[in-house]
């Protein structure tokens, strides 16, 4: 089942990247996109990491959902 956005707000930028919440039915799933991935996209778009996350959020969420659906979870059960 594809993940859905839980809420519009996200945890903001940290050294680990951006953390954001999605849901699988009623189950909440913590997701993260790395700073490295955001910087790679920023190099091609000229945006900073937060700008990349905001402008590419739908794409990032689709990637997180695909990773979740394929069972690629981290040690805490997140993506």
C-alpha atoms as a PDB file:
ATOM      1  CA  UNK A   1       0.000   0.000   0.000  1.00  0.00           C
ATOM      2  CA  UNK A   2       1.489   3.392  -0.928  1.00  0.00           C
ATOM      3  CA  UNK A   3       2.377   5.722   1.900  1.00  0.00           C
ATOM      4  CA  UNK A   4       0.447   8.984   2.206  1.00  0.00           C
ATOM      5  CA  UNK A   5       1.601  12.327   3.607  1.00  0.00           C
ATOM      6  CA  UNK A   6       0.693  12.520   7.276  1.00  0.00           C
ATOM      7  CA  UNK A   7       1.048  16.290   7.618  1.00  0.00           C
ATOM      8  CA  UNK A   8       2.444  19.217   5.682  1.00  0.00           C
ATOM      9  CA  UNK A   9       4.967  20.248   8.320  1.00  0.00           C
ATOM     10  CA  UNK A  10       8.270  18.420   8.515  1.00  0.00           C
ATOM     11  CA  UNK A  11      11.071  18.287  11.051  1.00  0.00           C
ATOM     12  CA  UNK A  12      13.305  20.700   9.173  1.00  0.00           C
ATOM     13  CA  UNK A  13      16.902  20.390   8.130  1.00  0.00           C
ATOM     14  CA  UNK A  14      19.501  18.650  10.312  1.00  0.00           C
ATOM     15  CA  UNK A  15      22.861  17.001   9.765  1.00  0.00           C
ATOM     16  CA  UNK A  16      20.993  13.807   8.848  1.00  0.00           C
ATOM     17  CA  UNK A  17      18.791  15.520   6.245  1.00  0.00           C
ATOM     18  CA  UNK A  18      15.060  16.153   6.447  1.00  0.00           C
ATOM     19  CA  UNK A  19      12.716  13.974   8.488  1.00  0.00           C
ATOM     20  CA  UNK A  20       9.043  13.840   7.566  1.00  0.00           C
ATOM     21  CA  UNK A  21       6.066  11.705   8.538  1.00  0.00           C
ATOM     22  CA  UNK A  22       3.981   9.550   6.245  1.00  0.00           C
ATOM     23  CA  UNK A  23       1.307   6.977   7.001  1.00  0.00           C
ATOM     24  CA  UNK A  24       0.324   3.478   5.995  1.00  0.00           C
ATOM     25  CA  UNK A  25      -3.352   3.380   6.902  1.00  0.00           C
ATOM     26  CA  UNK A  26      -3.297   4.307  10.591  1.00  0.00           C
ATOM     27  CA  UNK A  27       0.381   3.422  11.075  1.00  0.00           C
ATOM     28  CA  UNK A  28       2.748   6.419  11.173  1.00  0.00           C
ATOM     29  CA  UNK A  29       6.062   5.965   9.345  1.00  0.00           C
ATOM     30  CA  UNK A  30       9.094   8.183   9.932  1.00  0.00           C
ATOM     31  CA  UNK A  31      10.917   8.963   6.683  1.00  0.00           C
ATOM     32  CA  UNK A  32      14.186  10.759   5.957  1.00  0.00           C
ATOM     33  CA  UNK A  33      15.907  12.123   2.900  1.00  0.00           C
ATOM     34  CA  UNK A  34      19.649  12.574   3.336  1.00  0.00           C
ATOM     35  CA  UNK A  35      21.525  15.841   3.034  1.00  0.00           C
ATOM     36  CA  UNK A  36      23.639  14.195   0.356  1.00  0.00           C
ATOM     37  CA  UNK A  37      20.596  13.441  -1.812  1.00  0.00           C
ATOM     38  CA  UNK A  38      19.268  16.972  -1.314  1.00  0.00           C
ATOM     39  CA  UNK A  39      22.684  18.490  -2.116  1.00  0.00           C
ATOM     40  CA  UNK A  40      22.978  16.398  -5.287  1.00  0.00           C
ATOM     41  CA  UNK A  41      19.650  17.746  -6.509  1.00  0.00           C
ATOM     42  CA  UNK A  42      20.561  21.237  -5.309  1.00  0.00           C
ATOM     43  CA  UNK A  43      23.674  21.202  -7.462  1.00  0.00           C
ATOM     44  CA  UNK A  44      21.504  20.813 -10.561  1.00  0.00           C
ATOM     45  CA  UNK A  45      18.715  23.173  -9.503  1.00  0.00           C
ATOM     46  CA  UNK A  46      20.608  25.863  -7.604  1.00  0.00           C
ATOM     47  CA  UNK A  47      18.321  25.454  -4.565  1.00  0.00           C
ATOM     48  CA  UNK A  48      19.454  24.925  -0.988  1.00  0.00           C
ATOM     49  CA  UNK A  49      18.551  21.657   0.774  1.00  0.00           C
ATOM     50  CA  UNK A  50      15.302  22.982   2.275  1.00  0.00           C
ATOM     51  CA  UNK A  51      14.301  24.439  -1.087  1.00  0.00           C
ATOM     52  CA  UNK A  52      14.989  21.127  -2.810  1.00  0.00           C
ATOM     53  CA  UNK A  53      12.865  19.267  -0.258  1.00  0.00           C
ATOM     54  CA  UNK A  54       9.977  21.689  -0.636  1.00  0.00           C
ATOM     55  CA  UNK A  55      10.077  21.798  -4.436  1.00  0.00           C
ATOM     56  CA  UNK A  56      10.642  18.043  -4.880  1.00  0.00           C
ATOM     57  CA  UNK A  57       8.551  16.816  -1.957  1.00  0.00           C
ATOM     58  CA  UNK A  58       6.082  14.820  -4.059  1.00  0.00           C
ATOM     59  CA  UNK A  59       8.938  13.013  -5.810  1.00  0.00           C
ATOM     60  CA  UNK A  60      10.705  12.387  -2.475  1.00  0.00           C
ATOM     61  CA  UNK A  61       7.506  11.013  -0.945  1.00  0.00           C
ATOM     62  CA  UNK A  62       6.949   8.689  -3.937  1.00  0.00           C
ATOM     63  CA  UNK A  63      10.510   7.386  -3.521  1.00  0.00           C
ATOM     64  CA  UNK A  64       9.955   6.846   0.222  1.00  0.00           C
ATOM     65  CA  UNK A  65       6.721   5.000  -0.497  1.00  0.00           C
ATOM     66  CA  UNK A  66       8.406   2.741  -3.069  1.00  0.00           C
ATOM     67  CA  UNK A  67      11.229   1.999  -0.631  1.00  0.00           C
ATOM     68  CA  UNK A  68       8.712   1.221   2.118  1.00  0.00           C
ATOM     69  CA  UNK A  69       6.645  -1.031  -0.167  1.00  0.00           C
ATOM     70  CA  UNK A  70       9.779  -2.980  -1.120  1.00  0.00           C
ATOM     71  CA  UNK A  71      10.599  -3.572   2.569  1.00  0.00           C
ATOM     72  CA  UNK A  72      13.726  -1.400   2.682  1.00  0.00           C
ATOM     73  CA  UNK A  73      13.269  -0.175   6.260  1.00  0.00           C
ATOM     74  CA  UNK A  74      15.874   1.176   8.666  1.00  0.00           C
ATOM     75  CA  UNK A  75      16.561  -0.296  12.106  1.00  0.00           C
ATOM     76  CA  UNK A  76      13.612   1.601  13.625  1.00  0.00           C
ATOM     77  CA  UNK A  77      11.124   0.558  10.950  1.00  0.00           C
ATOM     78  CA  UNK A  78      11.288   3.869   9.085  1.00  0.00           C
ATOM     79  CA  UNK A  79      12.304   4.727   5.556  1.00  0.00           C
END
